[in-house]
Amino acid sequence: MKWFVYSPRYSANFGEHVFRTAKYRLLTEKLLKEGILKEEEIVEPEPASWEDLLLVHTPEYIDDLRNLRWSHRTIRSELPLTQEIIDFFRLASGGTYMASSLALENGLAFHNGGGFHHAYGDHAEGFCYINDIAYAIRKLQKEGKIRRAAVIDCDVHQGNGTAHIFRNDPDVFTFSIHQEMNYPMPKEKSDWDIGLPDRTSDQVYNTLLKEAVIKIYEEHSPELVIYVAGADPYLDDLLGGLSLTKEGLKERDEIVIGEAARREIPLVVVLAGGYARKVEDLVDIHYNTAVVLRRHLDEIHGT
């Protein structure tokens, strides 16, 4: 069964940057080594077409990206603007769409990439050029595969771009649990925001999260959940200020994925941020998310 979306082309060169794209390769290698993943279960995505990206992004902004043009729309990315990097974001958008499609078929899927929730419809922000989350939802809606979706965003930073893109869409419920006194400032308004104080612990975080997730799943009845499983709520993250442990983050994954699986709601994981001081910690956190998802996938299919 195909459940894991990844491409070696995700190793884009961001230069000396706190966002380490090597995590995608390292995670894949660890999952294969530990027997959680098999080579035949990996799907390599196709890049999103420029035409399809207009479902989310404005023509002016897409024109800037196609021509690698620095403008007021691209300058806030905090990334270099190269062909390799734009190709990376197009490919990641195709990856989130592909993984979402697999989730609709199999119940759960994992995208070893994506989660670029700071990109707005008309400009880049916060290490994000293209909003793959919004792209996947809009494309699936256009194809008639879903109508209602929910975004459960557990990155340490609010998913401001996603919230803004779906601000007037009653069919897409946006939820973000994040550190309040952190980027972005000011925040956008999601359908439901939980802004946490600095150094929030595992217990407080997961109690609030579980109450919210159950309420969203039961009241909104999404046909697809995109789970933004950021690793940056971790206590030793360079860009975060919460105090979650690896065990607490794994419990977080169990809440979001497990509650969806029990209700037979298709769910796809995207990785989003993660800037742990030690790259091994970063890979461990994403690895644990994949382990939780794989266990529930096996339960769904009786394997």
Protein backbone atom coordinates (compact mmCIF):
# COMPACT_ATOMS: atom_id res chain seq x y z
CA MET A 1 0.00 0.00 0.00
CA LYS A 2 1.24 3.45 -0.92
CA TRP A 3 1.17 5.82 2.06
CA PHE A 4 4.42 7.81 2.07
CA VAL A 5 5.15 10.68 -0.34
CA TYR A 6 8.73 11.84 -0.78
CA SER A 7 11.22 12.92 -3.43
CA PRO A 8 15.04 13.05 -3.30
CA ARG A 9 14.58 16.41 -5.02
CA TYR A 10 13.41 17.83 -1.68
CA SER A 11 17.07 18.37 -0.81
CA ALA A 12 16.99 21.95 -2.09
CA ASN A 13 19.92 24.18 -1.16
CA PHE A 14 18.72 26.99 1.11
CA GLY A 15 22.31 27.96 1.91
CA GLU A 16 23.33 28.58 5.53
CA HIS A 17 19.77 28.53 6.80
CA VAL A 18 18.02 27.38 9.94
CA PHE A 19 15.60 25.36 7.78
CA ARG A 20 17.50 22.15 7.04
CA THR A 21 16.06 20.32 4.05
CA ALA A 22 18.36 17.37 4.82
CA LYS A 23 15.71 16.31 7.35
CA TYR A 24 13.58 14.82 4.58
CA ARG A 25 16.31 12.44 3.42
CA LEU A 26 17.40 11.60 6.97
CA LEU A 27 13.85 10.77 8.00
CA THR A 28 13.28 8.53 4.99
CA GLU A 29 16.53 6.69 5.66
CA LYS A 30 15.63 6.13 9.33
CA LEU A 31 12.14 4.85 8.55
CA LEU A 32 13.53 2.42 5.98
CA LYS A 33 16.28 1.26 8.33
CA GLU A 34 13.85 0.63 11.20
CA GLY A 35 11.37 -1.23 8.98
CA ILE A 36 8.54 1.27 9.43
CA LEU A 37 8.65 2.05 5.71
CA LYS A 38 9.34 -0.08 2.64
CA GLU A 39 10.70 1.22 -0.66
CA GLU A 40 7.59 0.06 -2.52
CA GLU A 41 5.38 2.16 -0.23
CA ILE A 42 6.98 5.44 -1.33
CA VAL A 43 5.34 7.62 -3.98
CA GLU A 44 7.32 10.34 -5.74
CA PRO A 45 5.18 13.40 -6.52
CA GLU A 46 4.84 15.49 -9.63
CA PRO A 47 5.20 19.29 -9.34
CA ALA A 48 2.07 21.42 -9.22
CA SER A 49 1.44 23.13 -12.53
CA TRP A 50 1.61 26.90 -12.70
CA GLU A 51 -1.99 26.91 -13.94
CA ASP A 52 -3.23 24.90 -10.96
CA LEU A 53 -1.36 27.13 -8.53
CA LEU A 54 -3.69 29.94 -9.65
CA LEU A 55 -6.35 28.17 -7.58
CA VAL A 56 -4.58 29.70 -4.57
CA HIS A 57 -2.13 32.37 -5.71
CA THR A 58 -2.64 35.58 -7.68
CA PRO A 59 -1.43 35.86 -11.30
CA GLU A 60 0.94 38.69 -10.34
CA TYR A 61 2.59 36.64 -7.62
CA ILE A 62 2.86 33.54 -9.81
CA ASP A 63 4.50 35.69 -12.49
CA ASP A 64 7.10 36.84 -9.96
CA LEU A 65 7.87 33.24 -9.00
CA ARG A 66 8.09 32.05 -12.61
CA ASN A 67 10.53 34.81 -13.43
CA LEU A 68 12.48 34.65 -10.15
CA ARG A 69 11.69 38.31 -9.63
CA TRP A 70 12.39 40.13 -6.39
CA SER A 71 9.37 42.27 -5.57
CA HIS A 72 7.26 43.27 -2.59
CA ARG A 73 5.50 39.94 -3.09
CA THR A 74 8.60 37.73 -2.84
CA ILE A 75 10.97 39.64 -0.56
CA ARG A 76 9.35 38.51 2.72
CA SER A 77 10.18 34.85 2.10
CA GLU A 78 13.44 35.07 4.09
CA LEU A 79 14.85 32.61 1.54
CA PRO A 80 16.98 32.89 -1.59
CA LEU A 81 15.01 33.08 -4.83
CA THR A 82 16.45 30.44 -7.16
CA GLN A 83 15.03 28.05 -9.72
CA GLU A 84 15.94 25.09 -7.51
CA ILE A 85 14.02 26.52 -4.57
CA ILE A 86 10.91 27.42 -6.56
CA ASP A 87 10.97 23.94 -8.12
CA PHE A 88 11.16 22.55 -4.58
CA PHE A 89 8.03 24.40 -3.53
CA ARG A 90 6.11 23.36 -6.64
CA LEU A 91 7.13 19.76 -6.06
CA ALA A 92 6.15 19.92 -2.38
CA SER A 93 2.74 21.28 -3.38
CA GLY A 94 2.29 18.34 -5.71
CA GLY A 95 3.39 16.13 -2.83
CA THR A 96 0.74 17.41 -0.45
CA TYR A 97 -1.90 16.94 -3.12
CA MET A 98 -0.66 13.41 -3.83
CA ALA A 99 -0.57 12.49 -0.13
CA SER A 100 -4.05 13.95 0.38
CA SER A 101 -5.33 11.82 -2.50
CA LEU A 102 -3.75 8.73 -0.92
CA ALA A 103 -5.39 9.58 2.40
CA LEU A 104 -8.78 9.68 0.70
CA GLU A 105 -8.09 6.21 -0.71
CA ASN A 106 -6.46 4.54 2.30
CA GLY A 107 -7.57 6.56 5.33
CA LEU A 108 -4.16 7.97 6.26
CA ALA A 109 -1.06 9.20 4.44
CA PHE A 110 2.23 10.89 5.26
CA HIS A 111 3.92 13.63 3.26
CA ASN A 112 7.60 13.83 4.11
CA GLY A 113 7.54 17.50 3.19
CA GLY A 114 5.10 20.39 2.84
CA GLY A 115 3.31 22.39 5.49
CA PHE A 116 4.27 25.81 4.11
CA HIS A 117 1.50 27.59 5.96
CA HIS A 118 2.94 31.14 5.97
CA ALA A 119 2.53 31.70 2.21
CA TYR A 120 -0.38 34.01 1.39
CA GLY A 121 -2.34 34.08 -1.83
CA ASP A 122 -0.47 37.17 -3.02
CA HIS A 123 2.94 37.01 -1.31
CA ALA A 124 5.61 34.91 0.38
CA GLU A 125 6.33 34.90 4.10
CA GLY A 126 8.30 32.99 6.71
CA PHE A 127 10.33 30.48 4.61
CA CYS A 128 7.25 29.78 2.45
CA TYR A 129 6.77 30.64 -1.23
CA ILE A 130 3.77 28.44 -2.09
CA ASN A 131 0.98 27.32 0.24
CA ASP A 132 0.82 23.59 -0.46
CA ILE A 133 -1.94 23.05 2.13
CA ALA A 134 -4.32 25.46 0.42
CA TYR A 135 -3.31 24.14 -2.99
CA ALA A 136 -4.15 20.53 -2.12
CA ILE A 137 -7.54 21.46 -0.66
CA ARG A 138 -8.49 23.75 -3.55
CA LYS A 139 -7.48 21.18 -6.17
CA LEU A 140 -9.41 18.38 -4.47
CA GLN A 141 -12.44 20.65 -4.15
CA LYS A 142 -12.22 21.56 -7.83
CA GLU A 143 -12.06 17.89 -8.75
CA GLY A 144 -15.14 17.18 -6.63
CA LYS A 145 -13.25 14.76 -4.37
CA ILE A 146 -14.02 16.73 -1.20
CA ARG A 147 -16.10 19.70 -0.13
CA ARG A 148 -15.27 20.10 3.56
CA ALA A 149 -11.76 20.05 4.99
CA ALA A 150 -10.05 20.94 8.26
CA VAL A 151 -6.51 22.12 8.86
CA ILE A 152 -5.17 21.13 12.28
CA ASP A 153 -2.03 23.27 12.58
CA CYS A 154 0.28 22.29 15.45
CA ASP A 155 3.36 24.19 14.35
CA VAL A 156 4.76 26.55 17.01
CA HIS A 157 3.98 29.46 14.65
CA GLN A 158 0.43 30.35 13.67
CA GLY A 159 -0.59 29.27 10.17
CA ASN A 160 -1.27 32.84 9.11
CA GLY A 161 -1.21 32.33 5.33
CA THR A 162 -3.60 29.39 5.47
CA ALA A 163 -5.95 31.25 7.82
CA HIS A 164 -6.03 34.24 5.47
CA ILE A 165 -6.59 32.19 2.31
CA PHE A 166 -9.59 30.36 3.81
CA ARG A 167 -10.94 33.27 5.87
CA ASN A 168 -14.21 33.44 3.88
CA ASP A 169 -14.66 29.73 3.16
CA PRO A 170 -17.14 28.02 5.51
CA ASP A 171 -16.18 24.62 4.08
CA VAL A 172 -12.58 24.81 5.32
CA PHE A 173 -12.07 24.96 9.08
CA THR A 174 -8.70 26.36 10.11
CA PHE A 175 -7.36 25.60 13.57
CA SER A 176 -4.00 26.71 14.93
CA ILE A 177 -2.45 26.02 18.35
CA HIS A 178 0.75 28.03 18.66
CA GLN A 179 3.01 30.16 20.83
CA GLU A 180 1.27 33.52 21.10
CA MET A 181 4.37 35.69 21.56
CA ASN A 182 6.19 34.49 18.46
CA TYR A 183 6.12 35.05 14.71
CA PRO A 184 3.84 36.06 13.04
CA MET A 185 3.00 39.37 14.66
CA PRO A 186 0.23 40.36 14.39
CA LYS A 187 -1.69 37.10 13.91
CA GLU A 188 -4.37 36.37 11.36
CA LYS A 189 -7.74 35.06 12.54
CA SER A 190 -8.20 31.33 12.06
CA ASP A 191 -11.61 29.75 12.67
CA TRP A 192 -10.12 28.71 16.01
CA ASP A 193 -6.84 29.93 17.48
CA ILE A 194 -5.25 28.82 20.74
CA GLY A 195 -2.38 31.14 21.57
CA LEU A 196 -0.19 29.60 24.25
CA PRO A 197 2.08 31.33 26.77
CA ASP A 198 5.83 30.79 26.61
CA ARG A 199 7.12 27.46 27.93
CA THR A 200 3.76 25.72 27.86
CA SER A 201 4.18 22.08 28.95
CA ASP A 202 3.09 18.74 27.47
CA GLN A 203 0.09 18.31 29.76
CA VAL A 204 -1.42 21.77 29.22
CA TYR A 205 -0.81 21.63 25.46
CA ASN A 206 -2.30 18.20 24.92
CA THR A 207 -5.31 18.78 27.16
CA LEU A 208 -6.28 21.87 25.17
CA LEU A 209 -5.51 20.16 21.87
CA LYS A 210 -7.62 17.07 22.57
CA GLU A 211 -10.67 19.11 23.54
CA ALA A 212 -10.37 21.18 20.36
CA VAL A 213 -9.70 18.28 17.99
CA ILE A 214 -12.67 16.24 19.19
CA LYS A 215 -14.97 19.26 18.89
CA ILE A 216 -13.74 20.07 15.35
CA TYR A 217 -14.02 16.50 14.11
CA GLU A 218 -17.51 16.04 15.54
CA GLU A 219 -19.00 19.43 14.70
CA HIS A 220 -17.32 20.27 11.38
CA SER A 221 -17.33 16.70 9.98
CA PRO A 222 -14.40 17.23 7.60
CA GLU A 223 -13.97 14.91 4.63
CA LEU A 224 -10.20 15.45 4.87
CA VAL A 225 -7.90 16.64 7.64
CA ILE A 226 -4.50 18.14 6.87
CA TYR A 227 -2.40 17.81 10.00
CA VAL A 228 0.45 20.32 10.13
CA ALA A 229 2.79 18.36 12.41
CA GLY A 230 5.47 20.96 13.04
CA ALA A 231 8.40 19.78 15.16
CA ASP A 232 9.09 23.25 16.53
CA PRO A 233 7.01 23.16 19.74
CA TYR A 234 9.97 21.06 20.99
CA LEU A 235 11.69 22.43 24.09
CA ASP A 236 15.10 22.76 22.35
CA ASP A 237 13.90 24.41 19.15
CA LEU A 238 15.88 27.44 17.98
CA LEU A 239 12.81 29.34 16.75
CA GLY A 240 10.28 28.14 19.31
CA GLY A 241 9.53 28.97 22.91
CA LEU A 242 7.28 26.15 24.09
CA SER A 243 8.46 23.26 26.27
CA LEU A 244 7.09 20.09 24.73
CA THR A 245 9.17 16.94 25.04
CA LYS A 246 9.52 14.25 22.38
CA GLU A 247 7.05 12.15 24.35
CA GLY A 248 4.61 15.05 24.55
CA LEU A 249 4.86 15.62 20.81
CA LYS A 250 4.21 11.93 20.17
CA GLU A 251 1.11 12.17 22.38
CA ARG A 252 0.06 15.20 20.30
CA ASP A 253 0.38 13.07 17.15
CA GLU A 254 -1.67 10.30 18.75
CA ILE A 255 -4.45 12.75 19.58
CA VAL A 256 -4.74 14.27 16.11
CA ILE A 257 -4.20 11.09 14.09
CA GLY A 258 -5.91 8.65 16.45
CA GLU A 259 -9.11 10.68 16.85
CA ALA A 260 -9.38 10.97 13.05
CA ALA A 261 -8.74 7.26 12.52
CA ARG A 262 -11.39 6.29 15.08
CA ARG A 263 -13.92 8.42 13.23
CA GLU A 264 -12.78 7.18 9.80
CA ILE A 265 -11.86 10.71 8.72
CA PRO A 266 -9.08 10.69 6.09
CA LEU A 267 -5.99 12.48 7.38
CA VAL A 268 -2.69 13.50 5.82
CA VAL A 269 0.42 14.62 7.70
CA VAL A 270 2.62 17.46 6.44
CA LEU A 271 5.83 18.30 8.30
CA ALA A 272 6.07 22.12 8.35
CA GLY A 273 8.72 23.62 10.64
CA GLY A 274 11.35 22.21 12.94
CA TYR A 275 14.59 23.88 13.98
CA ALA A 276 15.89 21.74 16.84
CA ARG A 277 19.44 22.49 17.91
CA LYS A 278 20.40 18.90 17.11
CA VAL A 279 19.21 17.57 13.76
CA GLU A 280 18.91 14.12 15.36
CA ASP A 281 16.19 15.46 17.64
CA LEU A 282 14.36 16.94 14.68
CA VAL A 283 14.43 13.63 12.81
CA ASP A 284 13.31 11.76 15.94
CA ILE A 285 10.24 13.98 16.30
CA HIS A 286 9.16 13.52 12.67
CA TYR A 287 9.97 9.80 12.94
CA ASN A 288 7.63 9.44 15.90
CA THR A 289 4.82 11.08 13.92
CA ALA A 290 5.33 8.57 11.10
CA VAL A 291 5.35 5.67 13.58
CA VAL A 292 2.02 6.78 15.07
CA LEU A 293 0.47 7.17 11.63
CA ARG A 294 1.78 3.80 10.41
CA ARG A 295 0.35 2.00 13.44
CA HIS A 296 -3.10 3.45 12.85
CA LEU A 297 -2.87 2.72 9.13
CA ASP A 298 -2.11 -0.93 9.92
CA GLU A 299 -5.09 -1.05 12.29
CA ILE A 300 -7.39 0.39 9.63
CA HIS A 301 -6.33 -2.24 7.10
CA GLY A 302 -5.90 -5.12 9.52
CA THR A 303 -2.22 -5.66 8.77
